[in-house]
C-alpha atoms as a PDB file:
ATOM      1  CA  MET A   1      -0.085   0.126   0.026  1.00  0.00           C
ATOM      2  CA  LYS A   2       2.758   2.342   1.050  1.00  0.00           C
ATOM      3  CA  ARG A   3       4.617   1.292  -1.946  1.00  0.00           C
ATOM      4  CA  GLU A   4       1.281   2.384  -4.201  1.00  0.00           C
ATOM      5  CA  SER A   5       1.357   5.464  -2.469  1.00  0.00           C
ATOM      6  CA  ARG A   6       4.944   6.378  -3.024  1.00  0.00           C
ATOM      7  CA  ILE A   7       4.202   5.851  -7.107  1.00  0.00           C
ATOM      8  CA  LYS A   8       1.471   7.685  -7.224  1.00  0.00           C
ATOM      9  CA  ARG A   9       3.312  10.765  -5.496  1.00  0.00           C
ATOM     10  CA  LYS A  10       6.102  10.164  -8.065  1.00  0.00           C
ATOM     11  CA  LYS A  11       3.554  10.177 -11.111  1.00  0.00           C
ATOM     12  CA  ASN A  12       2.123  13.554  -9.695  1.00  0.00           C
ATOM     13  CA  ALA A  13       5.129  15.143  -9.234  1.00  0.00           C
ATOM     14  CA  SER A  14       6.595  14.023 -12.767  1.00  0.00           C
ATOM     15  CA  ALA A  15       2.888  15.224 -14.131  1.00  0.00           C
ATOM     16  CA  PHE A  16       3.644  18.570 -12.287  1.00  0.00           C
ATOM     17  CA  GLY A  17       6.911  18.857 -13.427  1.00  0.00           C
ATOM     18  CA  SER A  18       5.991  18.080 -17.039  1.00  0.00           C
ATOM     19  CA  LEU A  19       3.725  20.898 -16.720  1.00  0.00           C
ATOM     20  CA  LEU A  20       5.734  23.537 -14.879  1.00  0.00           C
ATOM     21  CA  LEU A  21       8.466  22.863 -18.065  1.00  0.00           C
ATOM     22  CA  GLY A  22       5.717  23.558 -20.576  1.00  0.00           C
ATOM     23  CA  LEU A  23       4.406  26.641 -18.974  1.00  0.00           C
ATOM     24  CA  ILE A  24       7.874  27.997 -18.630  1.00  0.00           C
ATOM     25  CA  ALA A  25       8.172  26.885 -22.304  1.00  0.00           C
ATOM     26  CA  ILE A  26       5.323  28.948 -23.356  1.00  0.00           C
ATOM     27  CA  VAL A  27       6.414  32.059 -21.151  1.00  0.00           C
ATOM     28  CA  LEU A  28       9.886  31.805 -22.994  1.00  0.00           C
ATOM     29  CA  LEU A  29       8.416  31.551 -26.325  1.00  0.00           C
ATOM     30  CA  GLY A  30       6.162  34.728 -25.477  1.00  0.00           C
ATOM     31  CA  ILE A  31       9.087  36.579 -24.466  1.00  0.00           C
ATOM     32  CA  PHE A  32      11.153  35.376 -27.624  1.00  0.00           C
ATOM     33  CA  LEU A  33       7.987  36.339 -30.089  1.00  0.00           C
ATOM     34  CA  ALA A  34       7.543  39.758 -28.076  1.00  0.00           C
ATOM     35  CA  TYR A  35      11.205  40.752 -28.497  1.00  0.00           C
ATOM     36  CA  ASN A  36      11.485  39.540 -32.012  1.00  0.00           C
ATOM     37  CA  LEU A  37       8.283  41.416 -32.875  1.00  0.00           C
ATOM     38  CA  ASN A  38       9.515  44.659 -31.070  1.00  0.00           C
ATOM     39  CA  LYS A  39      12.615  44.429 -32.864  1.00  0.00           C
ATOM     40  CA  THR A  40      10.995  43.706 -36.013  1.00  0.00           C
ATOM     41  CA  ASN A  41       9.017  46.769 -35.557  1.00  0.00           C
ATOM     42  CA  LYS A  42      11.964  48.810 -34.905  1.00  0.00           C
ATOM     43  CA  ASN A  43      13.589  48.092 -38.099  1.00  0.00           C
ATOM     44  CA  LEU A  44      10.358  48.440 -40.091  1.00  0.00           C
ATOM     45  CA  GLU A  45      10.064  51.996 -38.793  1.00  0.00           C
ATOM     46  CA  ASN A  46      13.457  52.884 -40.304  1.00  0.00           C
ATOM     47  CA  TRP A  47      12.556  51.705 -43.566  1.00  0.00           C
ATOM     48  CA  SER A  48      10.785  53.606 -46.315  1.00  0.00           C
ATOM     49  CA  ARG A  49       9.969  50.873 -48.475  1.00  0.00           C
ATOM     50  CA  TYR A  50      10.592  47.151 -47.601  1.00  0.00           C
ATOM     51  CA  ALA A  51       8.853  43.631 -48.385  1.00  0.00           C
ATOM     52  CA  ILE A  52       7.090  41.207 -45.508  1.00  0.00           C
ATOM     53  CA  ILE A  53       7.385  37.820 -46.392  1.00  0.00           C
ATOM     54  CA  GLY A  54       4.738  36.204 -44.117  1.00  0.00           C
ATOM     55  CA  LYS A  55       3.000  32.813 -44.265  1.00  0.00           C
ATOM     56  CA  ASN A  56       0.935  32.983 -47.188  1.00  0.00           C
ATOM     57  CA  ASN A  57       1.805  36.024 -48.777  1.00  0.00           C
ATOM     58  CA  VAL A  58       4.604  38.801 -49.483  1.00  0.00           C
ATOM     59  CA  ILE A  59       3.646  42.508 -48.733  1.00  0.00           C
ATOM     60  CA  VAL A  60       5.327  45.283 -50.223  1.00  0.00           C
ATOM     61  CA  VAL A  61       5.399  48.584 -48.210  1.00  0.00           C
ATOM     62  CA  TYR A  62       5.744  51.946 -49.944  1.00  0.00           C
ATOM     63  CA  GLU A  63       5.725  54.635 -47.030  1.00  0.00           C
ATOM     64  CA  ASP A  64       2.700  55.359 -45.754  1.00  0.00           C
ATOM     65  CA  LYS A  65       1.489  55.566 -49.102  1.00  0.00           C
ATOM     66  CA  LEU A  66       0.681  51.984 -50.844  1.00  0.00           C
ATOM     67  CA  ALA A  67       1.000  48.394 -49.501  1.00  0.00           C
ATOM     68  CA  ILE A  68       0.807  45.526 -51.906  1.00  0.00           C
ATOM     69  CA  LYS A  69      -0.211  42.095 -51.469  1.00  0.00           C
ATOM     70  CA  ILE A  70       1.354  39.232 -53.477  1.00  0.00           C
ATOM     71  CA  PRO A  71      -0.123  35.588 -52.725  1.00  0.00           C
ATOM     72  CA  PHE A  72       2.613  32.857 -53.039  1.00  0.00           C
ATOM     73  CA  ASP A  73       0.658  31.183 -55.758  1.00  0.00           C
ATOM     74  CA  VAL A  74       1.671  33.862 -58.200  1.00  0.00           C
ATOM     75  CA  GLN A  75       4.117  32.447 -60.952  1.00  0.00           C
ATOM     76  CA  VAL A  76       7.467  34.313 -61.242  1.00  0.00           C
ATOM     77  CA  ASP A  77       8.019  32.058 -64.543  1.00  0.00           C
ATOM     78  CA  LYS A  78       5.949  29.501 -66.036  1.00  0.00           C
ATOM     79  CA  ASP A  79       7.835  26.847 -63.663  1.00  0.00           C
ATOM     80  CA  THR A  80       8.253  28.744 -60.500  1.00  0.00           C
ATOM     81  CA  THR A  81       5.892  30.331 -58.095  1.00  0.00           C
ATOM     82  CA  ILE A  82       6.880  32.797 -55.254  1.00  0.00           C
ATOM     83  CA  LYS A  83       5.854  29.834 -52.706  1.00  0.00           C
ATOM     84  CA  ASP A  84       8.847  27.954 -54.363  1.00  0.00           C
ATOM     85  CA  LEU A  85      11.536  30.756 -53.833  1.00  0.00           C
ATOM     86  CA  VAL A  86      10.037  31.248 -50.316  1.00  0.00           C
ATOM     87  CA  ASN A  87      10.458  27.498 -49.655  1.00  0.00           C
ATOM     88  CA  SER A  88      14.080  27.599 -50.947  1.00  0.00           C
ATOM     89  CA  LYS A  89      14.677  30.226 -48.048  1.00  0.00           C
ATOM     90  CA  ASN A  90      16.563  32.286 -50.728  1.00  0.00           C
ATOM     91  CA  TYR A  91      14.786  35.576 -49.738  1.00  0.00           C
ATOM     92  CA  GLU A  92      17.525  37.568 -52.224  1.00  0.00           C
ATOM     93  CA  LEU A  93      16.056  35.731 -54.836  1.00  0.00           C
ATOM     94  CA  VAL A  94      12.566  36.286 -53.653  1.00  0.00           C
ATOM     95  CA  LEU A  95      13.371  40.137 -53.495  1.00  0.00           C
ATOM     96  CA  ASN A  96      14.909  40.027 -56.938  1.00  0.00           C
ATOM     97  CA  SER A  97      12.001  38.321 -58.258  1.00  0.00           C
ATOM     98  CA  ILE A  98       9.523  40.827 -57.142  1.00  0.00           C
ATOM     99  CA  ASN A  99      11.440  43.721 -58.138  1.00  0.00           C
ATOM    100  CA  SER A 100      11.281  42.417 -61.734  1.00  0.00           C
ATOM    101  CA  PHE A 101       7.430  43.147 -61.668  1.00  0.00           C
ATOM    102  CA  LEU A 102       7.517  46.464 -59.668  1.00  0.00           C
ATOM    103  CA  PRO A 103       7.841  49.916 -61.307  1.00  0.00           C
ATOM    104  CA  GLU A 104       9.532  51.152 -57.991  1.00  0.00           C
ATOM    105  CA  LYS A 105      12.248  48.522 -56.363  1.00  0.00           C
ATOM    106  CA  ILE A 106      12.793  47.906 -52.773  1.00  0.00           C
ATOM    107  CA  SER A 107      15.859  46.474 -51.102  1.00  0.00           C
ATOM    108  CA  ASN A 108      14.786  45.310 -47.610  1.00  0.00           C
ATOM    109  CA  TYR A 109      12.719  42.492 -46.422  1.00  0.00           C
ATOM    110  CA  LYS A 110      11.973  40.988 -43.246  1.00  0.00           C
ATOM    111  CA  VAL A 111      10.687  37.544 -42.676  1.00  0.00           C
ATOM    112  CA  MET A 112       7.655  37.465 -40.460  1.00  0.00           C
ATOM    113  CA  LYS A 113       5.801  33.869 -40.507  1.00  0.00           C
ATOM    114  CA  TYR A 114       4.429  33.841 -36.727  1.00  0.00           C
ATOM    115  CA  SER A 115       3.304  37.643 -36.115  1.00  0.00           C
ATOM    116  CA  ASP A 116       0.927  40.048 -37.194  1.00  0.00           C
ATOM    117  CA  ILE A 117       1.980  43.538 -38.266  1.00  0.00           C
ATOM    118  CA  SER A 118      -0.583  46.695 -38.590  1.00  0.00           C
ATOM    119  CA  LEU A 119       0.496  48.879 -41.690  1.00  0.00           C
ATOM    120  CA  ASN A 120      -0.455  52.417 -41.503  1.00  0.00           C
ATOM    121  CA  VAL A 121      -0.741  53.212 -45.112  1.00  0.00           C
ATOM    122  CA  LYS A 122      -3.532  54.812 -47.126  1.00  0.00           C
ATOM    123  CA  ASN A 123      -3.907  52.386 -49.921  1.00  0.00           C
ATOM    124  CA  ALA A 124      -3.772  48.861 -49.585  1.00  0.00           C
ATOM    125  CA  ARG A 125      -4.325  46.533 -52.741  1.00  0.00           C
ATOM    126  CA  ASN A 126      -3.776  42.799 -54.149  1.00  0.00           C
ATOM    127  CA  ILE A 127      -1.403  42.632 -56.865  1.00  0.00           C
ATOM    128  CA  PRO A 128      -3.249  42.731 -60.371  1.00  0.00           C
ATOM    129  CA  GLU A 129      -3.077  39.278 -61.473  1.00  0.00           C
ATOM    130  CA  MET A 130      -4.884  37.216 -64.325  1.00  0.00           C
ATOM    131  CA  VAL A 131      -5.143  33.350 -65.250  1.00  0.00           C
ATOM    132  CA  ILE A 132      -3.769  31.676 -68.193  1.00  0.00           C
ATOM    133  CA  ASP A 133      -4.055  27.555 -68.259  1.00  0.00           C
ATOM    134  CA  ASP A 134      -4.823  27.302 -64.525  1.00  0.00           C
ATOM    135  CA  LYS A 135      -1.765  29.623 -63.362  1.00  0.00           C
ATOM    136  CA  LYS A 136      -1.802  32.786 -61.971  1.00  0.00           C
ATOM    137  CA  TYR A 137       0.629  35.452 -63.401  1.00  0.00           C
ATOM    138  CA  ILE A 138       1.086  39.369 -62.284  1.00  0.00           C
ATOM    139  CA  LEU A 139      -0.504  41.489 -64.689  1.00  0.00           C
ATOM    140  CA  THR A 140       2.204  43.955 -65.147  1.00  0.00           C
ATOM    141  CA  SER A 141       0.030  46.635 -67.196  1.00  0.00           C
ATOM    142  CA  GLY A 142      -2.405  46.830 -64.059  1.00  0.00           C
ATOM    143  CA  THR A 143       0.388  47.295 -61.822  1.00  0.00           C
ATOM    144  CA  GLN A 144       2.064  50.240 -63.511  1.00  0.00           C
ATOM    145  CA  SER A 145      -1.487  51.749 -63.074  1.00  0.00           C
ATOM    146  CA  LEU A 146      -1.826  50.975 -59.704  1.00  0.00           C
ATOM    147  CA  PHE A 147       1.666  52.914 -58.911  1.00  0.00           C
ATOM    148  CA  SER A 148       0.956  55.764 -61.119  1.00  0.00           C
ATOM    149  CA  ASP A 149      -2.688  56.255 -59.592  1.00  0.00           C
ATOM    150  CA  LEU A 150      -1.877  55.555 -55.834  1.00  0.00           C
ATOM    151  CA  TYR A 151       2.191  56.043 -55.366  1.00  0.00           C
ATOM    152  CA  GLY A 152       3.803  58.033 -57.621  1.00  0.00           C
ATOM    153  CA  GLY A 153       1.407  59.529 -59.963  1.00  0.00           C
ATOM    154  CA  GLU A 154       1.121  63.330 -58.458  1.00  0.00           C
ATOM    155  CA  LEU A 155       4.631  63.225 -57.881  1.00  0.00           C
ATOM    156  CA  LYS A 156       5.342  63.088 -61.847  1.00  0.00           C
ATOM    157  CA  ASN A 157       2.335  64.898 -63.054  1.00  0.00           C
ATOM    158  CA  SER A 158       4.449  67.334 -65.516  1.00  0.00           C
ATOM    159  CA  GLN A 159       2.524  70.503 -66.763  1.00  0.00           C
ATOM    160  CA  ASN A 160       5.491  71.577 -68.715  1.00  0.00           C
ATOM    161  CA  LEU A 161       6.621  68.870 -70.940  1.00  0.00           C
ATOM    162  CA  VAL A 162      10.024  69.006 -72.717  1.00  0.00           C
ATOM    163  CA  VAL A 163      10.410  66.270 -75.325  1.00  0.00           C
ATOM    164  CA  ASP A 164      14.202  65.883 -76.650  1.00  0.00           C
ATOM    165  CA  ILE A 165      13.647  64.342 -80.524  1.00  0.00           C
ATOM    166  CA  LEU A 166      16.804  62.874 -82.013  1.00  0.00           C
ATOM    167  CA  ASN A 167      16.970  61.860 -85.690  1.00  0.00           C
ATOM    168  CA  ALA A 168      18.486  58.371 -86.173  1.00  0.00           C
ATOM    169  CA  ASN A 169      16.801  57.502 -89.638  1.00  0.00           C
ATOM    170  CA  GLY A 170      18.742  59.768 -91.884  1.00  0.00           C
ATOM    171  CA  ILE A 171      15.768  61.539 -93.200  1.00  0.00           C
ATOM    172  CA  GLY A 172      16.373  65.423 -93.280  1.00  0.00           C
ATOM    173  CA  GLY A 173      14.173  67.777 -90.720  1.00  0.00           C
ATOM    174  CA  TYR A 174      12.310  64.743 -89.683  1.00  0.00           C
ATOM    175  CA  ALA A 175      12.772  65.674 -85.997  1.00  0.00           C
ATOM    176  CA  ARG A 176      11.566  68.887 -86.275  1.00  0.00           C
ATOM    177  CA  LYS A 177       8.601  67.597 -88.455  1.00  0.00           C
ATOM    178  CA  THR A 178       7.710  64.950 -85.667  1.00  0.00           C
ATOM    179  CA  GLY A 179       8.239  68.000 -82.847  1.00  0.00           C
ATOM    180  CA  GLU A 180       5.453  70.026 -84.908  1.00  0.00           C
ATOM    181  CA  ASN A 181       3.068  67.038 -85.043  1.00  0.00           C
ATOM    182  CA  LEU A 182       3.396  66.528 -81.093  1.00  0.00           C
ATOM    183  CA  LYS A 183       2.783  70.054 -80.597  1.00  0.00           C
ATOM    184  CA  GLU A 184      -0.401  70.014 -82.008  1.00  0.00           C
ATOM    185  CA  ASN A 185      -1.587  67.027 -80.058  1.00  0.00           C
ATOM    186  CA  LEU A 186      -0.075  68.178 -76.528  1.00  0.00           C
ATOM    187  CA  SER A 187      -0.468  72.471 -76.398  1.00  0.00           C
ATOM    188  CA  ASP A 188       1.978  72.467 -73.202  1.00  0.00           C
ATOM    189  CA  LEU A 189       4.571  70.631 -75.224  1.00  0.00           C
ATOM    190  CA  THR A 190       8.204  72.248 -76.181  1.00  0.00           C
ATOM    191  CA  TYR A 191      10.456  70.171 -77.649  1.00  0.00           C
ATOM    192  CA  THR A 192      14.493  70.204 -79.214  1.00  0.00           C
ATOM    193  CA  ALA A 193      14.942  68.783 -82.368  1.00  0.00           C
ATOM    194  CA  ALA A 194      18.507  67.429 -83.321  1.00  0.00           C
ATOM    195  CA  ASN A 195      20.407  64.585 -85.250  1.00  0.00           C
ATOM    196  CA  TYR A 196      21.479  61.283 -83.039  1.00  0.00           C
ATOM    197  CA  GLU A 197      25.113  60.448 -83.358  1.00  0.00           C
ATOM    198  CA  LYS A 198      24.504  57.712 -85.613  1.00  0.00           C
ATOM    199  CA  ASN A 199      21.237  55.999 -87.941  1.00  0.00           C
ATOM    200  CA  GLU A 200      19.596  53.329 -85.793  1.00  0.00           C
ATOM    201  CA  GLU A 201      17.383  50.366 -86.903  1.00  0.00           C
ATOM    202  CA  TYR A 202      15.246  50.430 -83.740  1.00  0.00           C
ATOM    203  CA  SER A 203      13.893  53.747 -82.081  1.00  0.00           C
ATOM    204  CA  LEU A 204      15.026  54.312 -78.520  1.00  0.00           C
ATOM    205  CA  ILE A 205      13.086  55.879 -75.867  1.00  0.00           C
ATOM    206  CA  LYS A 206      14.818  57.387 -72.552  1.00  0.00           C
ATOM    207  CA  ILE A 207      12.377  58.357 -69.800  1.00  0.00           C
ATOM    208  CA  ASN A 208      13.434  60.950 -67.038  1.00  0.00           C
ATOM    209  CA  GLU A 209      10.401  62.007 -65.500  1.00  0.00           C
ATOM    210  CA  ILE A 210       6.622  62.197 -67.252  1.00  0.00           C
ATOM    211  CA  ASP A 211       3.518  60.778 -65.942  1.00  0.00           C
ATOM    212  CA  LYS A 212       1.868  58.067 -67.793  1.00  0.00           C
ATOM    213  CA  GLU A 213      -1.038  59.761 -69.634  1.00  0.00           C
ATOM    214  CA  ASN A 214       1.303  62.025 -71.029  1.00  0.00           C
ATOM    215  CA  LEU A 215       3.773  59.451 -72.076  1.00  0.00           C
ATOM    216  CA  GLU A 216       0.922  57.498 -73.805  1.00  0.00           C
ATOM    217  CA  LYS A 217      -0.096  60.688 -75.716  1.00  0.00           C
ATOM    218  CA  ILE A 218       3.319  61.212 -76.920  1.00  0.00           C
ATOM    219  CA  LEU A 219       3.898  57.509 -78.031  1.00  0.00           C
ATOM    220  CA  MET A 220       0.480  56.991 -79.946  1.00  0.00           C
ATOM    221  CA  SER A 221       1.400  61.006 -81.650  1.00  0.00           C
ATOM    222  CA  VAL A 222       4.666  59.819 -83.292  1.00  0.00           C
ATOM    223  CA  ASN A 223       4.492  57.143 -86.406  1.00  0.00           C
ATOM    224  CA  GLU A 224       7.284  54.856 -85.040  1.00  0.00           C
ATOM    225  CA  LYS A 225       6.643  51.623 -83.406  1.00  0.00           C
ATOM    226  CA  TYR A 226       9.416  49.562 -82.333  1.00  0.00           C
ATOM    227  CA  PHE A 227      10.923  51.744 -79.174  1.00  0.00           C
ATOM    228  CA  LYS A 228      13.527  49.746 -77.167  1.00  0.00           C
ATOM    229  CA  ILE A 229      14.454  51.123 -73.579  1.00  0.00           C
ATOM    230  CA  LYS A 230      17.703  53.138 -73.889  1.00  0.00           C
ATOM    231  CA  GLU A 231      19.239  52.253 -70.599  1.00  0.00           C
ATOM    232  CA  ASP A 232      22.455  53.965 -70.498  1.00  0.00           C
ATOM    233  CA  ASN A 233      22.652  57.844 -69.711  1.00  0.00           C
ATOM    234  CA  ASN A 234      25.254  59.095 -72.278  1.00  0.00           C
ATOM    235  CA  ILE A 235      22.403  61.732 -73.340  1.00  0.00           C
ATOM    236  CA  PRO A 236      22.958  64.766 -70.979  1.00  0.00           C
ATOM    237  CA  THR A 237      19.193  66.328 -70.958  1.00  0.00           C
ATOM    238  CA  LEU A 238      16.628  67.842 -68.420  1.00  0.00           C
ATOM    239  CA  ALA A 239      14.059  66.819 -70.752  1.00  0.00           C
ATOM    240  CA  SER A 240      10.764  64.766 -69.794  1.00  0.00           C
ATOM    241  CA  VAL A 241      11.549  61.832 -72.480  1.00  0.00           C
ATOM    242  CA  VAL A 242      13.758  61.727 -75.115  1.00  0.00           C
ATOM    243  CA  LEU A 243      13.167  60.187 -78.499  1.00  0.00           C
ATOM    244  CA  ILE A 244      15.566  58.526 -80.900  1.00  0.00           C
ATOM    245  CA  LEU A 245      13.719  58.077 -83.830  1.00  0.00           C
ATOM    246  CA  GLY A 246      14.941  55.009 -85.963  1.00  0.00           C
ATOM    247  CA  LYS A 247      14.727  54.006 -89.508  1.00  0.00           C
ATOM    248  CA  GLU A 248      12.254  50.813 -88.557  1.00  0.00           C
ATOM    249  CA  ASN A 249      12.881  49.004 -92.105  1.00  0.00           C
ATOM    250  CA  ASN A 250      14.727  45.692 -91.176  1.00  0.00           C
ATOM    251  CA  ILE A 251      13.331  45.065 -87.779  1.00  0.00           C
ATOM    252  CA  ASP A 252      14.255  41.432 -86.454  1.00  0.00           C
ATOM    253  CA  PHE A 253      11.078  41.539 -84.421  1.00  0.00           C
ATOM    254  CA  LYS A 254       7.985  39.389 -84.635  1.00  0.00           C
ATOM    255  CA  ILE A 255       4.401  39.695 -83.371  1.00  0.00           C
ATOM    256  CA  VAL A 256       2.713  36.201 -82.800  1.00  0.00           C
ATOM    257  CA  VAL A 257      -1.200  36.428 -82.470  1.00  0.00           C
ATOM    258  CA  LYS A 258      -2.270  32.859 -80.845  1.00  0.00           C
ATOM    259  CA  GLY A 259      -5.947  31.973 -80.780  1.00  0.00           C
ATOM    260  CA  THR A 260      -8.618  29.854 -82.780  1.00  0.00           C
ATOM    261  CA  THR A 261     -11.643  32.612 -83.189  1.00  0.00           C
ATOM    262  CA  ALA A 262     -12.575  35.075 -85.734  1.00  0.00           C
ATOM    263  CA  GLN A 263     -10.988  37.654 -83.098  1.00  0.00           C
ATOM    264  CA  ALA A 264      -7.434  36.340 -83.519  1.00  0.00           C
ATOM    265  CA  LYS A 265      -7.759  37.084 -87.593  1.00  0.00           C
ATOM    266  CA  ASN A 266      -9.063  40.307 -86.942  1.00  0.00           C
ATOM    267  CA  VAL A 267      -6.482  41.318 -84.658  1.00  0.00           C
ATOM    268  CA  GLN A 268      -3.582  40.066 -87.087  1.00  0.00           C
ATOM    269  CA  LYS A 269      -5.251  41.960 -89.739  1.00  0.00           C
ATOM    270  CA  GLU A 270      -5.634  45.313 -87.271  1.00  0.00           C
ATOM    271  CA  LEU A 271      -1.879  45.024 -86.931  1.00  0.00           C
ATOM    272  CA  GLU A 272      -0.955  44.630 -90.320  1.00  0.00           C
ATOM    273  CA  ALA A 273      -3.162  47.648 -91.296  1.00  0.00           C
ATOM    274  CA  SER A 274      -1.403  49.701 -88.715  1.00  0.00           C
ATOM    275  CA  GLY A 275       1.773  49.432 -90.398  1.00  0.00           C
ATOM    276  CA  TYR A 276       3.486  46.330 -88.039  1.00  0.00           C
ATOM    277  CA  LYS A 277       5.591  43.532 -89.803  1.00  0.00           C
ATOM    278  CA  ASN A 278       6.289  40.050 -89.261  1.00  0.00           C
ATOM    279  CA  ILE A 279       3.078  39.296 -88.189  1.00  0.00           C
ATOM    280  CA  SER A 280       2.076  35.620 -87.870  1.00  0.00           C
ATOM    281  CA  LEU A 281      -1.070  33.651 -86.494  1.00  0.00           C
ATOM    282  CA  LYS A 282      -0.760  30.546 -84.617  1.00  0.00           C
ATOM    283  CA  ASN A 283      -3.705  28.442 -83.993  1.00  0.00           C
ATOM    284  CA  GLU A 284      -3.450  27.801 -80.485  1.00  0.00           C
ATOM    285  CA  LYS A 285      -6.210  27.292 -78.065  1.00  0.00           C
ATOM    286  CA  LYS A 286      -5.396  29.581 -74.572  1.00  0.00           C
ATOM    287  CA  ASP A 287      -7.434  29.239 -71.314  1.00  0.00           C
ATOM    288  CA  LEU A 288      -7.647  32.783 -70.745  1.00  0.00           C
ATOM    289  CA  SER A 289      -9.868  34.931 -68.830  1.00  0.00           C
ATOM    290  CA  LYS A 290      -9.551  37.888 -71.047  1.00  0.00           C
ATOM    291  CA  PRO A 291      -7.152  38.910 -74.084  1.00  0.00           C
ATOM    292  CA  VAL A 292      -3.479  39.936 -72.696  1.00  0.00           C
ATOM    293  CA  ILE A 293      -0.074  40.990 -74.742  1.00  0.00           C
ATOM    294  CA  GLU A 294       3.010  39.136 -73.573  1.00  0.00           C
ATOM    295  CA  TYR A 295       6.242  41.099 -73.683  1.00  0.00           C
ATOM    296  CA  ASN A 296      10.028  41.112 -72.653  1.00  0.00           C
ATOM    297  CA  LYS A 297      10.502  43.819 -70.470  1.00  0.00           C
ATOM    298  CA  ASP A 298      13.176  45.669 -72.711  1.00  0.00           C
ATOM    299  CA  ASP A 299       9.798  45.769 -75.153  1.00  0.00           C
ATOM    300  CA  TYR A 300       7.531  47.316 -72.790  1.00  0.00           C
ATOM    301  CA  TYR A 301       7.059  50.440 -75.108  1.00  0.00           C
ATOM    302  CA  ILE A 302       6.327  48.620 -78.247  1.00  0.00           C
ATOM    303  CA  ALA A 303       3.961  46.477 -76.278  1.00  0.00           C
ATOM    304  CA  LEU A 304       2.252  49.434 -74.790  1.00  0.00           C
ATOM    305  CA  LYS A 305       1.599  50.961 -78.270  1.00  0.00           C
ATOM    306  CA  ILE A 306       0.027  47.783 -79.465  1.00  0.00           C
ATOM    307  CA  SER A 307      -2.056  47.678 -76.413  1.00  0.00           C
ATOM    308  CA  LYS A 308      -3.418  51.103 -77.308  1.00  0.00           C
ATOM    309  CA  GLU A 309      -3.538  50.094 -80.922  1.00  0.00           C
ATOM    310  CA  LEU A 310      -5.850  46.988 -80.190  1.00  0.00           C
ATOM    311  CA  LYS A 311      -7.703  48.467 -77.059  1.00  0.00           C
ATOM    312  CA  ILE A 312      -6.290  45.449 -74.981  1.00  0.00           C
ATOM    313  CA  PRO A 313      -5.231  46.936 -71.810  1.00  0.00           C
ATOM    314  CA  ASN A 314      -3.699  43.799 -70.375  1.00  0.00           C
ATOM    315  CA  MET A 315      -0.253  43.282 -70.653  1.00  0.00           C
ATOM    316  CA  LEU A 316       1.954  40.347 -69.137  1.00  0.00           C
ATOM    317  CA  GLU A 317       5.994  40.366 -68.750  1.00  0.00           C
ATOM    318  CA  ASN A 318       7.362  37.361 -69.997  1.00  0.00           C
ATOM    319  CA  ASN A 319      11.104  37.437 -69.971  1.00  0.00           C
ATOM    320  CA  ASP A 320      11.497  34.339 -72.080  1.00  0.00           C
ATOM    321  CA  LEU A 321      10.777  36.061 -75.034  1.00  0.00           C
ATOM    322  CA  ARG A 322      13.419  37.778 -77.254  1.00  0.00           C
ATOM    323  CA  ASN A 323      12.637  40.459 -79.997  1.00  0.00           C
ATOM    324  CA  LYS A 324       8.978  38.977 -79.750  1.00  0.00           C
ATOM    325  CA  ILE A 325       5.370  39.760 -78.598  1.00  0.00           C
ATOM    326  CA  ASN A 326       2.558  37.264 -78.202  1.00  0.00           C
ATOM    327  CA  VAL A 327      -1.075  38.539 -78.280  1.00  0.00           C
ATOM    328  CA  LEU A 328      -2.998  35.889 -76.508  1.00  0.00           C
ATOM    329  CA  ILE A 329      -6.477  35.533 -77.921  1.00  0.00           C
ATOM    330  CA  ASN A 330      -9.597  33.845 -76.176  1.00  0.00           C
END
């Protein structure tokens, strides 16, 4: 009997010890999480732009103006999702992949899978997306508009547009003629016209500071269609935008219209009538919620002009493309 009593006391002591250890572990975990949350908040307070890598989403924050939520199931490319990158714990790669889709880049991030954070921002939005063949992709045209409307638009809305127009096609007086045509469409525009250092096949565009609406007006008011982005800074200028007008005669560039409906054939005819070259129609069925234009980031302004011509606002960055744009039709 005494033996049974001792065994019982031992069991009770063991249970009490386990319970005590459990309570201590919970308290220590709470202190640890509170410390980390406090430390995290201090870090975030020192950053104006940053990404929070959470449990199911990445949230990108721009000052107190804008927060954008990006779900993990969004594709980075056709084979990889953001979740795949997060699971690899290569967070720098996560950041670089997100930056490839955002007009305004970020350099700081914090991994916060077990705590909540309160974001004091004026606008919170989901990243614009669309589904192609049951996969989610970031709709880059929607992202551009989102930033223009809610983050940087009011900062870049210039009332005094200055355009440098450089002639790179060898046709005398062409830059000045283009400038005069632009002034007819944009009354507050001033321009300078000159010859470029050499003739170019493609046209080139360099953006300094101009809002999206005026940039689109300028692009749609010139005859050139194949504007590549000029990356280097060897043109010293205070102009809002620099246009270098190339010959565009022997362009190594393809436009592929993919679809099985009459609309796909009509799109091909529209592009041909507008003066685009090397257009092909591919009889390929796509599971789309809406028509979309796929482009490489270097060809954004070529795609933008095609988007305006066809009245297809949805644009999707696909950097597997080289000197090629896909127009995907239902």
